[in-house]
Full PDB file with SEQRES, HELIX, SHEET, SSBOND, CRYST1, ORIGX, SCALE, CONECT and MASTER records, all heavy atoms in Angstrom:
SEQRES   1 A   29  PHE THR ALA GLU VAL VAL TYR PHE ALA VAL ARG GLU LEU          
SEQRES   2 A   29  LEU ARG ASN ALA ARG LYS TYR ALA ARG GLY GLY ASP ALA          
SEQRES   3 A   29  GLN ARG PRO                                                  
HELIX    1 AA1 THR A    2  TYR A   20  1                                  19    
CRYST1    1.000    1.000    1.000  90.00  90.00  90.00 P 1           1          
ORIGX1      1.000000  0.000000  0.000000        0.00000                         
ORIGX2      0.000000  1.000000  0.000000        0.00000                         
ORIGX3      0.000000  0.000000  1.000000        0.00000                         
SCALE1      1.000000  0.000000  0.000000        0.00000                         
SCALE2      0.000000  1.000000  0.000000        0.00000                         
SCALE3      0.000000  0.000000  1.000000        0.00000                         
ATOM      1  N   PHE A   1      57.659 122.606  53.109  1.00  0.00           N  
ATOM      2  CA  PHE A   1      58.881 121.879  53.456  1.00  0.00           C  
ATOM      3  C   PHE A   1      58.550 120.508  54.044  1.00  0.00           C  
ATOM      4  O   PHE A   1      59.195 119.511  53.720  1.00  0.00           O  
ATOM      5  CB  PHE A   1      59.701 122.698  54.450  1.00  0.00           C  
ATOM      6  CG  PHE A   1      61.038 122.095  54.761  1.00  0.00           C  
ATOM      7  CD1 PHE A   1      62.047 122.082  53.813  1.00  0.00           C  
ATOM      8  CD2 PHE A   1      61.287 121.534  56.003  1.00  0.00           C  
ATOM      9  CE1 PHE A   1      63.282 121.516  54.098  1.00  0.00           C  
ATOM     10  CE2 PHE A   1      62.517 120.977  56.290  1.00  0.00           C  
ATOM     11  CZ  PHE A   1      63.517 120.965  55.338  1.00  0.00           C  
ATOM     12  N   THR A   2      57.514 120.425  54.888  1.00  0.00           N  
ATOM     13  CA  THR A   2      57.105 119.138  55.467  1.00  0.00           C  
ATOM     14  C   THR A   2      56.638 118.177  54.383  1.00  0.00           C  
ATOM     15  O   THR A   2      57.022 117.000  54.356  1.00  0.00           O  
ATOM     16  CB  THR A   2      55.992 119.356  56.498  1.00  0.00           C  
ATOM     17  OG1 THR A   2      56.459 120.247  57.520  1.00  0.00           O  
ATOM     18  CG2 THR A   2      55.560 118.052  57.125  1.00  0.00           C  
ATOM     19  N   ALA A   3      55.788 118.672  53.469  1.00  0.00           N  
ATOM     20  CA  ALA A   3      55.298 117.814  52.390  1.00  0.00           C  
ATOM     21  C   ALA A   3      56.443 117.315  51.515  1.00  0.00           C  
ATOM     22  O   ALA A   3      56.451 116.154  51.088  1.00  0.00           O  
ATOM     23  CB  ALA A   3      54.280 118.583  51.548  1.00  0.00           C  
ATOM     24  N   GLU A   4      57.427 118.155  51.268  1.00  0.00           N  
ATOM     25  CA  GLU A   4      58.546 117.736  50.429  1.00  0.00           C  
ATOM     26  C   GLU A   4      59.399 116.680  51.130  1.00  0.00           C  
ATOM     27  O   GLU A   4      59.851 115.712  50.497  1.00  0.00           O  
ATOM     28  CB  GLU A   4      59.397 118.946  50.067  1.00  0.00           C  
ATOM     29  CG  GLU A   4      60.495 118.627  49.072  1.00  0.00           C  
ATOM     30  CD  GLU A   4      61.229 119.880  48.603  1.00  0.00           C  
ATOM     31  OE1 GLU A   4      60.775 120.990  48.951  1.00  0.00           O  
ATOM     32  OE2 GLU A   4      62.237 119.734  47.905  1.00  0.00           O  
ATOM     33  N   VAL A   5      59.619 116.838  52.446  1.00  0.00           N  
ATOM     34  CA  VAL A   5      60.390 115.834  53.182  1.00  0.00           C  
ATOM     35  C   VAL A   5      59.674 114.479  53.153  1.00  0.00           C  
ATOM     36  O   VAL A   5      60.295 113.431  52.944  1.00  0.00           O  
ATOM     37  CB  VAL A   5      60.611 116.315  54.634  1.00  0.00           C  
ATOM     38  CG1 VAL A   5      61.184 115.190  55.493  1.00  0.00           C  
ATOM     39  CG2 VAL A   5      61.563 117.500  54.663  1.00  0.00           C  
ATOM     40  N   VAL A   6      58.353 114.480  53.345  1.00  0.00           N  
ATOM     41  CA  VAL A   6      57.581 113.236  53.300  1.00  0.00           C  
ATOM     42  C   VAL A   6      57.640 112.637  51.898  1.00  0.00           C  
ATOM     43  O   VAL A   6      57.785 111.416  51.728  1.00  0.00           O  
ATOM     44  CB  VAL A   6      56.130 113.498  53.734  1.00  0.00           C  
ATOM     45  CG1 VAL A   6      55.271 112.252  53.545  1.00  0.00           C  
ATOM     46  CG2 VAL A   6      56.080 113.957  55.187  1.00  0.00           C  
ATOM     47  N   TYR A   7      57.531 113.472  50.877  1.00  0.00           N  
ATOM     48  CA  TYR A   7      57.569 113.004  49.479  1.00  0.00           C  
ATOM     49  C   TYR A   7      58.864 112.255  49.192  1.00  0.00           C  
ATOM     50  O   TYR A   7      58.855 111.138  48.645  1.00  0.00           O  
ATOM     51  CB  TYR A   7      57.399 114.204  48.550  1.00  0.00           C  
ATOM     52  CG  TYR A   7      57.526 113.890  47.081  1.00  0.00           C  
ATOM     53  CD1 TYR A   7      56.406 113.526  46.334  1.00  0.00           C  
ATOM     54  CD2 TYR A   7      58.749 113.960  46.437  1.00  0.00           C  
ATOM     55  CE1 TYR A   7      56.517 113.239  44.981  1.00  0.00           C  
ATOM     56  CE2 TYR A   7      58.866 113.675  45.089  1.00  0.00           C  
ATOM     57  CZ  TYR A   7      57.752 113.322  44.366  1.00  0.00           C  
ATOM     58  OH  TYR A   7      57.879 113.031  43.029  1.00  0.00           O  
ATOM     59  N   PHE A   8      60.000 112.841  49.553  1.00  0.00           N  
ATOM     60  CA  PHE A   8      61.274 112.202  49.251  1.00  0.00           C  
ATOM     61  C   PHE A   8      61.503 110.970  50.123  1.00  0.00           C  
ATOM     62  O   PHE A   8      62.193 110.034  49.710  1.00  0.00           O  
ATOM     63  CB  PHE A   8      62.423 113.206  49.416  1.00  0.00           C  
ATOM     64  CG  PHE A   8      62.506 114.189  48.283  1.00  0.00           C  
ATOM     65  CD1 PHE A   8      62.232 115.532  48.493  1.00  0.00           C  
ATOM     66  CD2 PHE A   8      62.841 113.772  47.011  1.00  0.00           C  
ATOM     67  CE1 PHE A   8      62.304 116.445  47.453  1.00  0.00           C  
ATOM     68  CE2 PHE A   8      62.923 114.677  45.964  1.00  0.00           C  
ATOM     69  CZ  PHE A   8      62.648 116.015  46.185  1.00  0.00           C  
ATOM     70  N   ALA A   9      60.950 110.943  51.347  1.00  0.00           N  
ATOM     71  CA  ALA A   9      61.052 109.737  52.173  1.00  0.00           C  
ATOM     72  C   ALA A   9      60.286 108.581  51.537  1.00  0.00           C  
ATOM     73  O   ALA A   9      60.769 107.443  51.503  1.00  0.00           O  
ATOM     74  CB  ALA A   9      60.531 110.023  53.579  1.00  0.00           C  
ATOM     75  N   VAL A  10      59.085 108.864  50.997  1.00  0.00           N  
ATOM     76  CA  VAL A  10      58.313 107.819  50.318  1.00  0.00           C  
ATOM     77  C   VAL A  10      59.049 107.357  49.056  1.00  0.00           C  
ATOM     78  O   VAL A  10      59.079 106.159  48.742  1.00  0.00           O  
ATOM     79  CB  VAL A  10      56.901 108.328  49.982  1.00  0.00           C  
ATOM     80  CG1 VAL A  10      56.142 107.315  49.128  1.00  0.00           C  
ATOM     81  CG2 VAL A  10      56.129 108.623  51.261  1.00  0.00           C  
ATOM     82  N   ARG A  11      59.650 108.274  48.339  1.00  0.00           N  
ATOM     83  CA  ARG A  11      60.401 107.889  47.146  1.00  0.00           C  
ATOM     84  C   ARG A  11      61.553 106.961  47.505  1.00  0.00           C  
ATOM     85  O   ARG A  11      61.828 105.982  46.795  1.00  0.00           O  
ATOM     86  CB  ARG A  11      60.925 109.124  46.418  1.00  0.00           C  
ATOM     87  CG  ARG A  11      61.547 108.799  45.068  1.00  0.00           C  
ATOM     88  CD  ARG A  11      62.020 110.031  44.335  1.00  0.00           C  
ATOM     89  NE  ARG A  11      63.197 110.619  44.974  1.00  0.00           N  
ATOM     90  CZ  ARG A  11      63.923 111.596  44.432  1.00  0.00           C  
ATOM     91  NH1 ARG A  11      63.568 112.105  43.266  1.00  0.00           N  
ATOM     92  NH2 ARG A  11      64.972 112.082  45.068  1.00  0.00           N  
ATOM     93  N   GLU A  12      62.232 107.222  48.634  1.00  0.00           N  
ATOM     94  CA  GLU A  12      63.320 106.342  49.069  1.00  0.00           C  
ATOM     95  C   GLU A  12      62.784 104.965  49.445  1.00  0.00           C  
ATOM     96  O   GLU A  12      63.415 103.937  49.139  1.00  0.00           O  
ATOM     97  CB  GLU A  12      64.045 106.979  50.264  1.00  0.00           C  
ATOM     98  CG  GLU A  12      65.209 106.165  50.797  1.00  0.00           C  
ATOM     99  CD  GLU A  12      66.386 106.126  49.843  1.00  0.00           C  
ATOM    100  OE1 GLU A  12      66.443 106.951  48.902  1.00  0.00           O  
ATOM    101  OE2 GLU A  12      67.252 105.247  50.032  1.00  0.00           O  
ATOM    102  N   LEU A  13      61.619 104.916  50.080  1.00  0.00           N  
ATOM    103  CA  LEU A  13      61.010 103.632  50.420  1.00  0.00           C  
ATOM    104  C   LEU A  13      60.653 102.843  49.159  1.00  0.00           C  
ATOM    105  O   LEU A  13      60.870 101.625  49.091  1.00  0.00           O  
ATOM    106  CB  LEU A  13      59.764 103.853  51.280  1.00  0.00           C  
ATOM    107  CG  LEU A  13      59.993 104.364  52.701  1.00  0.00           C  
ATOM    108  CD1 LEU A  13      58.672 104.760  53.343  1.00  0.00           C  
ATOM    109  CD2 LEU A  13      60.694 103.312  53.544  1.00  0.00           C  
ATOM    110  N   LEU A  14      60.101 103.512  48.160  1.00  0.00           N  
ATOM    111  CA  LEU A  14      59.754 102.832  46.914  1.00  0.00           C  
ATOM    112  C   LEU A  14      61.002 102.344  46.179  1.00  0.00           C  
ATOM    113  O   LEU A  14      61.003 101.263  45.586  1.00  0.00           O  
ATOM    114  CB  LEU A  14      58.938 103.767  46.017  1.00  0.00           C  
ATOM    115  CG  LEU A  14      57.575 104.213  46.565  1.00  0.00           C  
ATOM    116  CD1 LEU A  14      56.852 105.077  45.536  1.00  0.00           C  
ATOM    117  CD2 LEU A  14      56.726 103.021  46.951  1.00  0.00           C  
ATOM    118  N   ARG A  15      62.060 103.114  46.215  1.00  0.00           N  
ATOM    119  CA  ARG A  15      63.306 102.672  45.584  1.00  0.00           C  
ATOM    120  C   ARG A  15      63.866 101.440  46.282  1.00  0.00           C  
ATOM    121  O   ARG A  15      64.350 100.503  45.639  1.00  0.00           O  
ATOM    122  CB  ARG A  15      64.332 103.811  45.611  1.00  0.00           C  
ATOM    123  CG  ARG A  15      64.040 104.928  44.627  1.00  0.00           C  
ATOM    124  CD  ARG A  15      65.078 106.037  44.742  1.00  0.00           C  
ATOM    125  NE  ARG A  15      64.889 107.041  43.704  1.00  0.00           N  
ATOM    126  CZ  ARG A  15      65.604 108.156  43.624  1.00  0.00           C  
ATOM    127  NH1 ARG A  15      66.564 108.396  44.517  1.00  0.00           N  
ATOM    128  NH2 ARG A  15      65.379 109.032  42.664  1.00  0.00           N  
ATOM    129  N   ASN A  16      63.815 101.428  47.618  1.00  0.00           N  
ATOM    130  CA  ASN A  16      64.282 100.255  48.350  1.00  0.00           C  
ATOM    131  C   ASN A  16      63.437  99.035  48.018  1.00  0.00           C  
ATOM    132  O   ASN A  16      63.958  97.920  47.871  1.00  0.00           O  
ATOM    133  CB  ASN A  16      64.240 100.528  49.858  1.00  0.00           C  
ATOM    134  CG  ASN A  16      65.437 101.336  50.313  1.00  0.00           C  
ATOM    135  OD1 ASN A  16      66.383 101.536  49.573  1.00  0.00           O  
ATOM    136  ND2 ASN A  16      65.384 101.817  51.535  1.00  0.00           N  
ATOM    137  N   ALA A  17      62.108  99.226  47.929  1.00  0.00           N  
ATOM    138  CA  ALA A  17      61.233  98.102  47.583  1.00  0.00           C  
ATOM    139  C   ALA A  17      61.541  97.579  46.189  1.00  0.00           C  
ATOM    140  O   ALA A  17      61.600  96.364  45.960  1.00  0.00           O  
ATOM    141  CB  ALA A  17      59.767  98.540  47.682  1.00  0.00           C  
ATOM    142  N   ARG A  18      61.738  98.479  45.242  1.00  0.00           N  
ATOM    143  CA  ARG A  18      62.055  98.060  43.878  1.00  0.00           C  
ATOM    144  C   ARG A  18      63.377  97.303  43.815  1.00  0.00           C  
ATOM    145  O   ARG A  18      63.515  96.327  43.053  1.00  0.00           O  
ATOM    146  CB  ARG A  18      62.114  99.288  42.966  1.00  0.00           C  
ATOM    147  CG  ARG A  18      62.524  98.998  41.535  1.00  0.00           C  
ATOM    148  CD  ARG A  18      62.521 100.265  40.702  1.00  0.00           C  
ATOM    149  NE  ARG A  18      63.474 101.248  41.199  1.00  0.00           N  
ATOM    150  CZ  ARG A  18      63.588 102.490  40.709  1.00  0.00           C  
ATOM    151  NH1 ARG A  18      62.790 102.884  39.727  1.00  0.00           N  
ATOM    152  NH2 ARG A  18      64.467 103.328  41.214  1.00  0.00           N  
ATOM    153  N   LYS A  19      64.341  97.697  44.630  1.00  0.00           N  
ATOM    154  CA  LYS A  19      65.679  97.133  44.530  1.00  0.00           C  
ATOM    155  C   LYS A  19      65.855  95.859  45.343  1.00  0.00           C  
ATOM    156  O   LYS A  19      66.564  94.932  44.918  1.00  0.00           O  
ATOM    157  CB  LYS A  19      66.696  98.184  44.987  1.00  0.00           C  
ATOM    158  CG  LYS A  19      68.146  97.801  44.735  1.00  0.00           C  
ATOM    159  CD  LYS A  19      69.071  98.958  45.053  1.00  0.00           C  
ATOM    160  CE  LYS A  19      70.527  98.609  44.750  1.00  0.00           C  
ATOM    161  NZ  LYS A  19      71.442  99.730  45.040  1.00  0.00           N  
ATOM    162  N   TYR A  20      65.208  95.781  46.529  1.00  0.00           N  
ATOM    163  CA  TYR A  20      65.515  94.699  47.454  1.00  0.00           C  
ATOM    164  C   TYR A  20      64.336  93.768  47.762  1.00  0.00           C  
ATOM    165  O   TYR A  20      64.553  92.673  48.271  1.00  0.00           O  
ATOM    166  CB  TYR A  20      66.023  95.270  48.781  1.00  0.00           C  
ATOM    167  CG  TYR A  20      67.271  96.099  48.639  1.00  0.00           C  
ATOM    168  CD1 TYR A  20      67.243  97.476  48.820  1.00  0.00           C  
ATOM    169  CD2 TYR A  20      68.488  95.496  48.321  1.00  0.00           C  
ATOM    170  CE1 TYR A  20      68.386  98.242  48.683  1.00  0.00           C  
ATOM    171  CE2 TYR A  20      69.639  96.254  48.184  1.00  0.00           C  
ATOM    172  CZ  TYR A  20      69.577  97.627  48.367  1.00  0.00           C  
ATOM    173  OH  TYR A  20      70.718  98.366  48.229  1.00  0.00           O  
ATOM    174  N   ALA A  21      63.104  94.199  47.498  1.00  0.00           N  
ATOM    175  CA  ALA A  21      61.963  93.406  47.960  1.00  0.00           C  
ATOM    176  C   ALA A  21      61.831  92.080  47.223  1.00  0.00           C  
ATOM    177  O   ALA A  21      61.203  91.142  47.732  1.00  0.00           O  
ATOM    178  CB  ALA A  21      60.667  94.208  47.818  1.00  0.00           C  
ATOM    179  N   ARG A  22      62.388  91.957  46.018  1.00  0.00           N  
ATOM    180  CA  ARG A  22      62.290  90.701  45.269  1.00  0.00           C  
ATOM    181  C   ARG A  22      63.355  89.687  45.692  1.00  0.00           C  
ATOM    182  O   ARG A  22      63.335  88.539  45.244  1.00  0.00           O  
ATOM    183  CB  ARG A  22      62.403  90.971  43.768  1.00  0.00           C  
ATOM    184  CG  ARG A  22      61.192  91.679  43.173  1.00  0.00           C  
ATOM    185  CD  ARG A  22      61.308  91.820  41.661  1.00  0.00           C  
ATOM    186  NE  ARG A  22      60.073  92.289  41.072  1.00  0.00           N  
ATOM    187  CZ  ARG A  22      59.735  93.558  40.931  1.00  0.00           C  
ATOM    188  NH1 ARG A  22      60.574  94.516  41.354  1.00  0.00           N  
ATOM    189  NH2 ARG A  22      58.584  93.899  40.380  1.00  0.00           N  
ATOM    190  N   GLY A  23      64.299  90.108  46.514  1.00  0.00           N  
ATOM    191  CA  GLY A  23      65.302  89.183  47.005  1.00  0.00           C  
ATOM    192  C   GLY A  23      66.199  88.598  45.943  1.00  0.00           C  
ATOM    193  O   GLY A  23      66.663  87.460  46.064  1.00  0.00           O  
ATOM    194  N   GLY A  24      66.481  89.324  44.886  1.00  0.00           N  
ATOM    195  CA  GLY A  24      67.341  88.831  43.826  1.00  0.00           C  
ATOM    196  C   GLY A  24      66.618  88.118  42.711  1.00  0.00           C  
ATOM    197  O   GLY A  24      67.234  87.792  41.685  1.00  0.00           O  
ATOM    198  N   ASP A  25      65.317  87.856  42.864  1.00  0.00           N  
ATOM    199  CA  ASP A  25      64.526  87.199  41.821  1.00  0.00           C  
ATOM    200  C   ASP A  25      63.799  88.268  41.020  1.00  0.00           C  
ATOM    201  O   ASP A  25      62.766  88.800  41.440  1.00  0.00           O  
ATOM    202  CB  ASP A  25      63.531  86.229  42.457  1.00  0.00           C  
ATOM    203  CG  ASP A  25      62.711  85.460  41.417  1.00  0.00           C  
ATOM    204  OD1 ASP A  25      63.014  85.597  40.209  1.00  0.00           O  
ATOM    205  OD2 ASP A  25      61.789  84.734  41.820  1.00  0.00           O  
ATOM    206  N   ALA A  26      64.330  88.596  39.855  1.00  0.00           N  
ATOM    207  CA  ALA A  26      63.762  89.687  39.061  1.00  0.00           C  
ATOM    208  C   ALA A  26      62.372  89.369  38.538  1.00  0.00           C  
ATOM    209  O   ALA A  26      61.613  90.289  38.207  1.00  0.00           O  
ATOM    210  CB  ALA A  26      64.689  90.026  37.891  1.00  0.00           C  
ATOM    211  N   GLN A  27      62.000  88.073  38.475  1.00  0.00           N  
ATOM    212  CA  GLN A  27      60.688  87.687  37.938  1.00  0.00           C  
ATOM    213  C   GLN A  27      59.619  87.584  39.034  1.00  0.00           C  
ATOM    214  O   GLN A  27      58.474  87.282  38.710  1.00  0.00           O  
ATOM    215  CB  GLN A  27      60.805  86.332  37.216  1.00  0.00           C  
ATOM    216  CG  GLN A  27      61.857  86.303  36.121  1.00  0.00           C  
ATOM    217  CD  GLN A  27      61.617  87.366  35.061  1.00  0.00           C  
ATOM    218  OE1 GLN A  27      60.471  87.628  34.672  1.00  0.00           O  
ATOM    219  NE2 GLN A  27      62.696  88.001  34.602  1.00  0.00           N  
ATOM    220  N   ARG A  28      59.990  87.812  40.257  1.00  0.00           N  
ATOM    221  CA  ARG A  28      59.022  87.687  41.354  1.00  0.00           C  
ATOM    222  C   ARG A  28      57.977  88.795  41.265  1.00  0.00           C  
ATOM    223  O   ARG A  28      58.319  89.973  41.161  1.00  0.00           O  
ATOM    224  CB  ARG A  28      59.738  87.765  42.699  1.00  0.00           C  
ATOM    225  CG  ARG A  28      58.789  87.708  43.898  1.00  0.00           C  
ATOM    226  CD  ARG A  28      59.532  88.041  45.188  1.00  0.00           C  
ATOM    227  NE  ARG A  28      58.607  88.091  46.314  1.00  0.00           N  
ATOM    228  CZ  ARG A  28      58.536  87.169  47.262  1.00  0.00           C  
ATOM    229  NH1 ARG A  28      59.320  86.122  47.230  1.00  0.00           N  
ATOM    230  NH2 ARG A  28      57.679  87.313  48.260  1.00  0.00           N  
ATOM    231  N   PRO A  29      56.668  88.449  41.314  1.00  0.00           N  
ATOM    232  CA  PRO A  29      55.635  89.497  41.332  1.00  0.00           C  
ATOM    233  C   PRO A  29      55.728  90.315  42.632  1.00  0.00           C  
ATOM    234  O   PRO A  29      55.970  89.767  43.706  1.00  0.00           O  
ATOM    235  CB  PRO A  29      54.325  88.710  41.270  1.00  0.00           C  
ATOM    236  CG  PRO A  29      54.698  87.349  40.804  1.00  0.00           C  
ATOM    237  CD  PRO A  29      56.087  87.095  41.283  1.00  0.00           C  
TER     238      PRO A  29                                                      
MASTER        0    0    0    1    0    0    0    6  237    1    0    3          
END                                                                             
């Protein structure tokens, strides 16, 4: 259960990075 909670928390962090880290510039590395 602990490993699964950590797994989904990391997935949420990666989704946020994919969606917001470029600041609206889709071509930004």
